[in-house]
Amino acid sequence: MTLLLLPNLLGNHRHYEPYLPASVDKAVATLQGLIAESAGEGRRFLSRFAHEKKPHEIPMALYNTNTPDADLDFLLEPLVKGERWGLISDAGLPCISDPGFKLVKRARQRGIAVQAFVGPSALMMSLMLSGLPGQRFTFHGYVEQNAEAIQRLERASLKDEATQLFIEAPFRNQAMLEHLLQHLSPKTQLCIACDLTLPTQTIETHPVEVWKKRDLPNLHKKPTMFLLYADK
């Protein structure tokens, strides 16, 4: 009885091999079921790998932000009986900016073995590519688009000498960028990491005062990570 935490792609790639290690291929071949955020992404994930069963023949359960905690034991029941299931996020790593951590916690409480596999993470890749300090950082998830929330991040970065990372709903990305440029200090470093791992990938880091002089990238409905670092 094992729960496998499996990485997923950050975009719809034709070839997954450059982004997922060979160990994931071998792990998927052993799965007796899959827990996914959505049925469509779950089947798409399974279809990339060789398995003795067809994707639609592999049992699947859904676990996302709408799943009540009371369902955790139900989801884990096949594993308690000795089966080997995987957990994926719609994109990236399960449990990172993802509700899967509750399932992992409950699995450990019930004595189920949990194994994690490495893979792409928008959070880590954006931090690596930004050119901003990675010794100390905080990921905030979603941040409100107002002066108080944005300046709070800037003060935290200045106080702790830490890079601040956050996201926004893709259709509100452009508005977030405009709010950041309006409310951040001119010297604060701002990074936009968009469409990571896709052919349209864009990573730019500039002080706010430089961003204001440039043509802004089109972030509308594109997966984007925002990072800021307040220089002293």
Protein backbone atom coordinates (compact mmCIF):
# COMPACT_ATOMS: atom_id res chain seq x y z
CA MET A 1 0.00 0.00 0.00
CA THR A 2 1.78 3.05 -1.34
CA LEU A 3 0.77 6.56 -2.36
CA LEU A 4 3.04 7.88 -5.14
CA LEU A 5 3.35 11.66 -5.46
CA LEU A 6 3.90 12.05 -9.21
CA PRO A 7 5.00 15.20 -11.07
CA ASN A 8 2.95 16.52 -13.96
CA LEU A 9 3.88 18.82 -16.83
CA LEU A 10 3.45 22.60 -16.60
CA GLY A 11 2.08 22.74 -20.15
CA ASN A 12 0.70 20.53 -22.90
CA HIS A 13 3.95 19.23 -24.40
CA ARG A 14 4.20 16.79 -27.26
CA HIS A 15 7.13 15.04 -25.59
CA TYR A 16 7.24 14.74 -21.82
CA GLU A 17 10.68 13.09 -21.55
CA PRO A 18 12.69 16.35 -21.16
CA TYR A 19 10.61 17.32 -18.12
CA LEU A 20 9.77 14.10 -16.26
CA PRO A 21 12.42 11.58 -15.07
CA ALA A 22 12.41 7.98 -16.30
CA SER A 23 11.47 6.88 -12.79
CA VAL A 24 7.99 8.32 -13.37
CA ASP A 25 7.49 6.02 -16.39
CA LYS A 26 8.31 3.00 -14.27
CA ALA A 27 6.09 4.18 -11.41
CA VAL A 28 3.05 4.83 -13.61
CA ALA A 29 3.36 1.31 -15.06
CA THR A 30 2.75 -0.07 -11.55
CA LEU A 31 -0.29 2.06 -10.69
CA GLN A 32 -3.59 0.45 -9.79
CA GLY A 33 -5.37 3.80 -9.61
CA LEU A 34 -4.88 7.55 -9.82
CA ILE A 35 -6.08 10.49 -7.71
CA ALA A 36 -6.26 13.69 -9.78
CA GLU A 37 -7.58 17.23 -9.56
CA SER A 38 -9.71 16.76 -12.67
CA ALA A 39 -10.75 13.77 -14.78
CA GLY A 40 -9.54 15.32 -18.03
CA GLU A 41 -6.04 16.04 -16.78
CA GLY A 42 -5.89 12.66 -15.05
CA ARG A 43 -6.64 10.77 -18.29
CA ARG A 44 -4.27 13.02 -20.23
CA PHE A 45 -1.51 12.23 -17.73
CA LEU A 46 -2.07 8.48 -17.97
CA SER A 47 -2.20 8.54 -21.77
CA ARG A 48 1.44 9.65 -21.92
CA PHE A 49 2.78 6.45 -20.36
CA ALA A 50 2.89 2.75 -21.12
CA HIS A 51 0.58 0.65 -18.94
CA GLU A 52 -0.96 -2.80 -19.28
CA LYS A 53 -4.38 -1.13 -19.14
CA LYS A 54 -5.79 1.66 -21.27
CA PRO A 55 -6.15 5.06 -19.52
CA HIS A 56 -9.94 4.76 -19.23
CA GLU A 57 -9.59 1.32 -17.62
CA ILE A 58 -7.47 2.59 -14.71
CA PRO A 59 -9.60 3.57 -11.69
CA MET A 60 -9.56 7.29 -10.94
CA ALA A 61 -10.72 9.40 -8.03
CA LEU A 62 -10.90 13.20 -7.87
CA TYR A 63 -9.38 15.30 -5.12
CA ASN A 64 -9.32 19.09 -5.32
CA THR A 65 -10.16 22.21 -3.31
CA ASN A 66 -13.86 21.29 -3.37
CA THR A 67 -13.33 17.85 -1.80
CA PRO A 68 -14.45 17.74 1.86
CA ASP A 69 -12.01 16.43 4.45
CA ALA A 70 -14.57 13.76 5.31
CA ASP A 71 -13.76 12.07 1.97
CA LEU A 72 -10.07 11.52 2.72
CA ASP A 73 -10.52 8.06 4.21
CA PHE A 74 -12.75 7.04 1.30
CA LEU A 75 -10.05 8.09 -1.18
CA LEU A 76 -7.42 6.13 0.73
CA GLU A 77 -9.48 2.96 1.14
CA PRO A 78 -7.97 1.14 -1.89
CA LEU A 79 -4.50 1.85 -0.52
CA VAL A 80 -5.42 0.55 2.93
CA LYS A 81 -6.41 -2.67 1.16
CA GLY A 82 -2.91 -2.91 -0.31
CA GLU A 83 -3.20 -1.16 -3.69
CA ARG A 84 -0.68 1.24 -5.23
CA TRP A 85 -2.14 4.61 -6.31
CA GLY A 86 -0.68 7.85 -7.63
CA LEU A 87 -1.52 11.46 -6.80
CA ILE A 88 -1.07 14.25 -9.35
CA SER A 89 -1.76 17.95 -9.54
CA ASP A 90 -3.16 19.50 -12.71
CA ALA A 91 0.30 21.03 -13.20
CA GLY A 92 3.63 20.63 -11.47
CA LEU A 93 4.14 18.88 -8.16
CA PRO A 94 1.38 17.56 -5.90
CA CYS A 95 1.10 19.27 -2.49
CA ILE A 96 2.95 22.42 -3.70
CA SER A 97 0.32 25.16 -4.05
CA ASP A 98 -2.09 22.24 -4.17
CA PRO A 99 -4.53 20.65 -1.65
CA GLY A 100 -2.81 17.25 -1.80
CA PHE A 101 -0.98 17.85 1.48
CA LYS A 102 -4.12 16.88 3.42
CA LEU A 103 -4.24 13.52 1.68
CA VAL A 104 -0.56 12.90 2.43
CA LYS A 105 -1.06 13.80 6.10
CA ARG A 106 -3.99 11.41 6.41
CA ALA A 107 -2.13 8.66 4.55
CA ARG A 108 0.72 8.86 7.04
CA GLN A 109 -1.71 8.78 9.94
CA ARG A 110 -3.14 5.54 8.55
CA GLY A 111 0.27 3.94 8.06
CA ILE A 112 0.31 4.21 4.26
CA ALA A 113 3.76 4.54 2.68
CA VAL A 114 4.24 7.76 0.67
CA GLN A 115 6.86 8.17 -2.05
CA ALA A 116 7.67 11.45 -3.83
CA PHE A 117 9.15 11.89 -7.32
CA VAL A 118 10.98 14.95 -8.60
CA GLY A 119 9.67 17.02 -11.49
CA PRO A 120 8.89 20.54 -12.73
CA SER A 121 7.70 23.14 -10.23
CA ALA A 122 6.71 26.62 -11.40
CA LEU A 123 7.69 27.97 -8.00
CA MET A 124 11.22 26.54 -8.03
CA MET A 125 11.87 27.09 -11.74
CA SER A 126 10.83 30.74 -11.57
CA LEU A 127 13.06 31.32 -8.55
CA MET A 128 16.01 29.65 -10.31
CA LEU A 129 15.53 31.65 -13.52
CA SER A 130 14.70 35.03 -11.96
CA GLY A 131 18.18 36.02 -10.89
CA LEU A 132 16.74 36.98 -7.50
CA PRO A 133 18.14 35.66 -4.19
CA GLY A 134 17.03 32.13 -3.33
CA GLN A 135 18.57 31.79 0.12
CA ARG A 136 15.33 33.01 1.73
CA PHE A 137 11.95 33.17 0.03
CA THR A 138 8.22 32.99 0.76
CA PHE A 139 5.46 31.74 -1.50
CA HIS A 140 2.12 33.45 -0.78
CA GLY A 141 -0.22 31.78 -3.26
CA TYR A 142 -2.80 34.34 -4.36
CA VAL A 143 -2.35 37.98 -3.32
CA GLU A 144 -4.98 40.73 -3.30
CA GLN A 145 -4.64 43.46 -5.89
CA ASN A 146 -4.45 46.46 -3.61
CA ALA A 147 -1.76 48.80 -2.34
CA GLU A 148 -1.77 47.45 1.23
CA ALA A 149 -1.25 43.80 0.23
CA ILE A 150 1.43 44.60 -2.33
CA GLN A 151 3.38 46.95 -0.07
CA ARG A 152 3.16 44.38 2.76
CA LEU A 153 5.10 41.95 0.54
CA GLU A 154 7.65 44.63 -0.25
CA ARG A 155 8.17 45.41 3.44
CA ALA A 156 8.55 41.71 4.24
CA SER A 157 11.16 41.34 1.50
CA LEU A 158 13.09 44.34 2.80
CA LYS A 159 12.93 43.22 6.44
CA ASP A 160 13.85 39.57 5.86
CA GLU A 161 16.01 40.04 2.74
CA ALA A 162 13.76 37.41 1.14
CA THR A 163 12.28 37.01 -2.32
CA GLN A 164 8.48 37.04 -2.35
CA LEU A 165 6.62 34.77 -4.81
CA PHE A 166 2.92 34.75 -5.65
CA ILE A 167 0.40 34.00 -8.37
CA GLU A 168 -2.85 35.36 -9.72
CA ALA A 169 -5.76 33.90 -11.67
CA PRO A 170 -4.55 33.94 -15.30
CA PHE A 171 -7.32 36.26 -16.49
CA ARG A 172 -6.27 38.83 -13.84
CA ASN A 173 -2.52 38.68 -14.54
CA GLN A 174 -2.37 41.87 -16.57
CA ALA A 175 -4.21 43.83 -13.91
CA MET A 176 -1.86 42.44 -11.24
CA LEU A 177 1.19 43.58 -13.20
CA GLU A 178 -0.26 47.08 -13.49
CA HIS A 179 -1.04 47.18 -9.77
CA LEU A 180 2.50 46.09 -8.92
CA LEU A 181 4.03 48.82 -11.04
CA GLN A 182 1.71 51.35 -9.46
CA HIS A 183 2.37 50.46 -5.81
CA LEU A 184 5.94 49.10 -5.59
CA SER A 185 9.00 51.28 -4.98
CA PRO A 186 11.05 52.23 -8.06
CA LYS A 187 14.13 50.24 -6.98
CA THR A 188 12.28 47.02 -6.11
CA GLN A 189 13.21 44.14 -8.41
CA LEU A 190 10.19 42.54 -10.12
CA CYS A 191 10.30 39.28 -12.07
CA ILE A 192 7.61 37.95 -14.40
CA ALA A 193 7.93 34.23 -15.19
CA CYS A 194 5.33 33.26 -17.78
CA ASP A 195 4.54 30.02 -19.67
CA LEU A 196 7.37 28.11 -18.00
CA THR A 197 8.70 25.16 -20.08
CA LEU A 198 6.54 26.17 -23.07
CA PRO A 199 7.94 27.54 -26.37
CA THR A 200 6.44 30.90 -25.35
CA GLN A 201 8.32 30.95 -22.03
CA THR A 202 9.20 34.47 -20.88
CA ILE A 203 11.27 35.43 -17.83
CA GLU A 204 12.13 39.08 -17.25
CA THR A 205 13.53 40.76 -14.14
CA HIS A 206 13.91 44.53 -13.84
CA PRO A 207 13.59 47.26 -11.24
CA VAL A 208 10.08 48.72 -11.21
CA GLU A 209 11.39 52.01 -12.61
CA VAL A 210 12.73 50.13 -15.64
CA TRP A 211 9.52 48.13 -16.12
CA LYS A 212 7.59 51.41 -16.34
CA LYS A 213 9.67 52.46 -19.35
CA ARG A 214 9.21 49.18 -21.23
CA ASP A 215 6.44 47.67 -23.30
CA LEU A 216 4.70 45.29 -20.92
CA PRO A 217 4.36 41.59 -21.83
CA ASN A 218 0.91 40.19 -22.53
CA LEU A 219 0.12 37.94 -19.55
CA HIS A 220 -3.60 37.51 -20.16
CA LYS A 221 -4.68 33.92 -19.46
CA LYS A 222 -1.07 32.72 -19.33
CA PRO A 223 0.27 30.82 -16.28
CA THR A 224 2.50 33.35 -14.53
CA MET A 225 4.64 33.56 -11.41
CA PHE A 226 5.33 36.98 -9.89
CA LEU A 227 8.50 37.50 -7.82
CA LEU A 228 9.74 40.62 -6.07
CA TYR A 229 12.81 41.54 -4.07
CA ALA A 230 13.21 44.88 -2.30
CA ASP A 231 16.80 46.13 -2.49
CA LYS A 232 18.12 48.22 0.38
